Amino acid sequence: MNFRLSPTELLIAVLAVWRITHLLWGEDGPFELLLRLRKLAGRGFFGELLDCFYCLSLWIAIPFAWVMGNNWLERLVLWLSFSGGAILLERTTVARTPPAPEWSETPNISPSVEQ
């Protein structure tokens, strides 16, 4: 197997798969068009697909792998690589909220001292 992709081409393809997947999966889009698309998809196959970044990245990566690969083996490897790269990028860029403190202060109540 002799891939003809340069590291730059690979990076561009992964970024493109991530961007399209993220756009369809988690953004409202201009005039909330993508939000309406997800609502229109409902709870069927397409609705479930648009709710899962991992699943959607597999489908988005297919045309990239098809165009950039020379044979079936290359296309298979590129398909999984593009999807995997998009998933890794998503996991590293997702906003992480710091953990909430788990302590609570109780008022210091001293026993009443009779005078």
C-alpha atoms as a PDB file:
ATOM      1  CA  MET A   1       0.000   0.000   0.000  1.00  0.00           C
ATOM      2  CA  ASN A   2       1.545   3.251  -1.119  1.00  0.00           C
ATOM      3  CA  PHE A   3      -0.378   6.313   0.042  1.00  0.00           C
ATOM      4  CA  ARG A   4       0.055   9.412  -2.040  1.00  0.00           C
ATOM      5  CA  LEU A   5      -1.205  11.781   0.671  1.00  0.00           C
ATOM      6  CA  SER A   6       1.190  14.259   2.169  1.00  0.00           C
ATOM      7  CA  PRO A   7       0.888  15.055   5.886  1.00  0.00           C
ATOM      8  CA  THR A   8      -0.650  18.397   4.887  1.00  0.00           C
ATOM      9  CA  GLU A   9      -3.320  16.715   2.758  1.00  0.00           C
ATOM     10  CA  LEU A  10      -4.091  14.291   5.563  1.00  0.00           C
ATOM     11  CA  LEU A  11      -4.443  17.147   8.049  1.00  0.00           C
ATOM     12  CA  ILE A  12      -6.687  19.117   5.695  1.00  0.00           C
ATOM     13  CA  ALA A  13      -8.938  16.093   5.133  1.00  0.00           C
ATOM     14  CA  VAL A  14      -9.231  15.401   8.879  1.00  0.00           C
ATOM     15  CA  LEU A  15     -10.018  19.061   9.565  1.00  0.00           C
ATOM     16  CA  ALA A  16     -12.647  19.086   6.818  1.00  0.00           C
ATOM     17  CA  VAL A  17     -14.311  15.915   8.138  1.00  0.00           C
ATOM     18  CA  TRP A  18     -14.290  17.365  11.664  1.00  0.00           C
ATOM     19  CA  ARG A  19     -15.701  20.708  10.518  1.00  0.00           C
ATOM     20  CA  ILE A  20     -18.569  19.264   8.500  1.00  0.00           C
ATOM     21  CA  THR A  21     -19.373  16.711  11.203  1.00  0.00           C
ATOM     22  CA  HIS A  22     -19.333  19.356  13.936  1.00  0.00           C
ATOM     23  CA  LEU A  23     -21.450  21.704  11.837  1.00  0.00           C
ATOM     24  CA  LEU A  24     -24.171  19.090  11.273  1.00  0.00           C
ATOM     25  CA  TRP A  25     -23.975  17.592  14.765  1.00  0.00           C
ATOM     26  CA  GLY A  26     -23.753  20.536  17.122  1.00  0.00           C
ATOM     27  CA  GLU A  27     -24.255  23.935  15.537  1.00  0.00           C
ATOM     28  CA  ASP A  28     -27.411  25.869  14.786  1.00  0.00           C
ATOM     29  CA  GLY A  29     -26.116  27.406  11.568  1.00  0.00           C
ATOM     30  CA  PRO A  30     -27.263  30.612   9.945  1.00  0.00           C
ATOM     31  CA  PHE A  31     -30.940  31.319  10.541  1.00  0.00           C
ATOM     32  CA  GLU A  32     -31.001  28.117  12.638  1.00  0.00           C
ATOM     33  CA  LEU A  33     -31.126  26.045   9.434  1.00  0.00           C
ATOM     34  CA  LEU A  34     -29.098  23.169  10.859  1.00  0.00           C
ATOM     35  CA  LEU A  35     -31.122  23.154  14.062  1.00  0.00           C
ATOM     36  CA  ARG A  36     -34.281  22.867  11.957  1.00  0.00           C
ATOM     37  CA  LEU A  37     -32.676  20.086   9.922  1.00  0.00           C
ATOM     38  CA  ARG A  38     -31.958  18.088  13.087  1.00  0.00           C
ATOM     39  CA  LYS A  39     -35.508  18.642  14.341  1.00  0.00           C
ATOM     40  CA  LEU A  40     -36.899  17.609  10.953  1.00  0.00           C
ATOM     41  CA  ALA A  41     -34.833  14.412  11.061  1.00  0.00           C
ATOM     42  CA  GLY A  42     -36.745  13.385  14.176  1.00  0.00           C
ATOM     43  CA  ARG A  43     -35.963  10.162  16.008  1.00  0.00           C
ATOM     44  CA  GLY A  44     -35.464   7.947  12.972  1.00  0.00           C
ATOM     45  CA  PHE A  45     -32.211   6.830  11.378  1.00  0.00           C
ATOM     46  CA  PHE A  46     -31.152  10.327  10.304  1.00  0.00           C
ATOM     47  CA  GLY A  47     -32.140  11.865  13.624  1.00  0.00           C
ATOM     48  CA  GLU A  48     -30.068   9.326  15.523  1.00  0.00           C
ATOM     49  CA  LEU A  49     -27.194   9.822  13.076  1.00  0.00           C
ATOM     50  CA  LEU A  50     -27.179  13.581  13.631  1.00  0.00           C
ATOM     51  CA  ASP A  51     -27.167  13.039  17.411  1.00  0.00           C
ATOM     52  CA  CYS A  52     -23.966  10.943  17.416  1.00  0.00           C
ATOM     53  CA  PHE A  53     -20.692  12.675  16.512  1.00  0.00           C
ATOM     54  CA  TYR A  54     -18.880   9.340  16.182  1.00  0.00           C
ATOM     55  CA  CYS A  55     -21.453   7.828  13.824  1.00  0.00           C
ATOM     56  CA  LEU A  56     -21.804  10.984  11.767  1.00  0.00           C
ATOM     57  CA  SER A  57     -18.032  11.309  11.315  1.00  0.00           C
ATOM     58  CA  LEU A  58     -17.963   7.849   9.730  1.00  0.00           C
ATOM     59  CA  TRP A  59     -20.530   8.892   7.146  1.00  0.00           C
ATOM     60  CA  ILE A  60     -18.905  12.258   6.464  1.00  0.00           C
ATOM     61  CA  ALA A  61     -15.488  10.607   5.990  1.00  0.00           C
ATOM     62  CA  ILE A  62     -16.723   8.254   3.233  1.00  0.00           C
ATOM     63  CA  PRO A  63     -16.614  10.704   0.298  1.00  0.00           C
ATOM     64  CA  PHE A  64     -13.214  12.040   1.390  1.00  0.00           C
ATOM     65  CA  ALA A  65     -11.770   8.535   1.556  1.00  0.00           C
ATOM     66  CA  TRP A  66     -13.356   7.579  -1.753  1.00  0.00           C
ATOM     67  CA  VAL A  67     -11.853  10.539  -3.612  1.00  0.00           C
ATOM     68  CA  MET A  68      -8.425  10.426  -1.960  1.00  0.00           C
ATOM     69  CA  GLY A  69      -7.857   6.665  -2.009  1.00  0.00           C
ATOM     70  CA  ASN A  70      -6.527   4.717  -4.997  1.00  0.00           C
ATOM     71  CA  ASN A  71      -7.961   1.287  -4.213  1.00  0.00           C
ATOM     72  CA  TRP A  72     -10.335  -0.388  -1.781  1.00  0.00           C
ATOM     73  CA  LEU A  73      -7.728  -0.995   0.908  1.00  0.00           C
ATOM     74  CA  GLU A  74      -6.534   2.611   0.857  1.00  0.00           C
ATOM     75  CA  ARG A  75     -10.113   3.865   0.940  1.00  0.00           C
ATOM     76  CA  LEU A  76     -10.907   1.680   3.934  1.00  0.00           C
ATOM     77  CA  VAL A  77      -7.843   2.846   5.859  1.00  0.00           C
ATOM     78  CA  LEU A  78      -8.425   6.499   4.942  1.00  0.00           C
ATOM     79  CA  TRP A  79     -12.103   6.250   5.872  1.00  0.00           C
ATOM     80  CA  LEU A  80     -11.306   5.045   9.374  1.00  0.00           C
ATOM     81  CA  SER A  81      -8.361   7.441   9.684  1.00  0.00           C
ATOM     82  CA  PHE A  82     -10.378  10.507   8.733  1.00  0.00           C
ATOM     83  CA  SER A  83     -13.190   9.590  11.101  1.00  0.00           C
ATOM     84  CA  GLY A  84     -10.758   8.724  13.891  1.00  0.00           C
ATOM     85  CA  GLY A  85      -8.865  11.983  13.414  1.00  0.00           C
ATOM     86  CA  ALA A  86     -12.092  13.979  13.557  1.00  0.00           C
ATOM     87  CA  ILE A  87     -13.116  12.156  16.740  1.00  0.00           C
ATOM     88  CA  LEU A  88      -9.735  12.806  18.366  1.00  0.00           C
ATOM     89  CA  LEU A  89      -9.960  16.460  17.395  1.00  0.00           C
ATOM     90  CA  GLU A  90     -13.455  16.718  18.838  1.00  0.00           C
ATOM     91  CA  ARG A  91     -12.416  15.065  22.086  1.00  0.00           C
ATOM     92  CA  THR A  92      -9.465  17.412  22.523  1.00  0.00           C
ATOM     93  CA  THR A  93     -11.408  20.586  21.720  1.00  0.00           C
ATOM     94  CA  VAL A  94     -14.591  19.938  23.682  1.00  0.00           C
ATOM     95  CA  ALA A  95     -15.102  22.416  26.497  1.00  0.00           C
ATOM     96  CA  ARG A  96     -14.354  20.919  29.840  1.00  0.00           C
ATOM     97  CA  THR A  97     -15.948  22.449  32.861  1.00  0.00           C
ATOM     98  CA  PRO A  98     -13.885  22.347  36.007  1.00  0.00           C
ATOM     99  CA  PRO A  99     -15.214  20.024  38.665  1.00  0.00           C
ATOM    100  CA  ALA A 100     -17.471  21.634  41.217  1.00  0.00           C
ATOM    101  CA  PRO A 101     -16.165  21.743  44.754  1.00  0.00           C
ATOM    102  CA  GLU A 102     -17.501  18.899  46.822  1.00  0.00           C
ATOM    103  CA  TRP A 103     -17.232  20.436  50.251  1.00  0.00           C
ATOM    104  CA  SER A 104     -19.781  22.363  52.172  1.00  0.00           C
ATOM    105  CA  GLU A 105     -19.261  24.472  55.189  1.00  0.00           C
ATOM    106  CA  THR A 106     -21.459  23.924  58.169  1.00  0.00           C
ATOM    107  CA  PRO A 107     -21.841  26.723  60.646  1.00  0.00           C
ATOM    108  CA  ASN A 108     -19.784  26.331  63.759  1.00  0.00           C
ATOM    109  CA  ILE A 109     -22.426  25.966  66.417  1.00  0.00           C
ATOM    110  CA  SER A 110     -20.991  25.946  69.872  1.00  0.00           C
ATOM    111  CA  PRO A 111     -23.042  24.651  72.756  1.00  0.00           C
ATOM    112  CA  SER A 112     -24.815  27.421  74.490  1.00  0.00           C
ATOM    113  CA  VAL A 113     -23.142  28.371  77.694  1.00  0.00           C
ATOM    114  CA  GLU A 114     -25.482  29.374  80.426  1.00  0.00           C
ATOM    115  CA  GLN A 115     -24.420  32.459  82.260  1.00  0.00           C
END
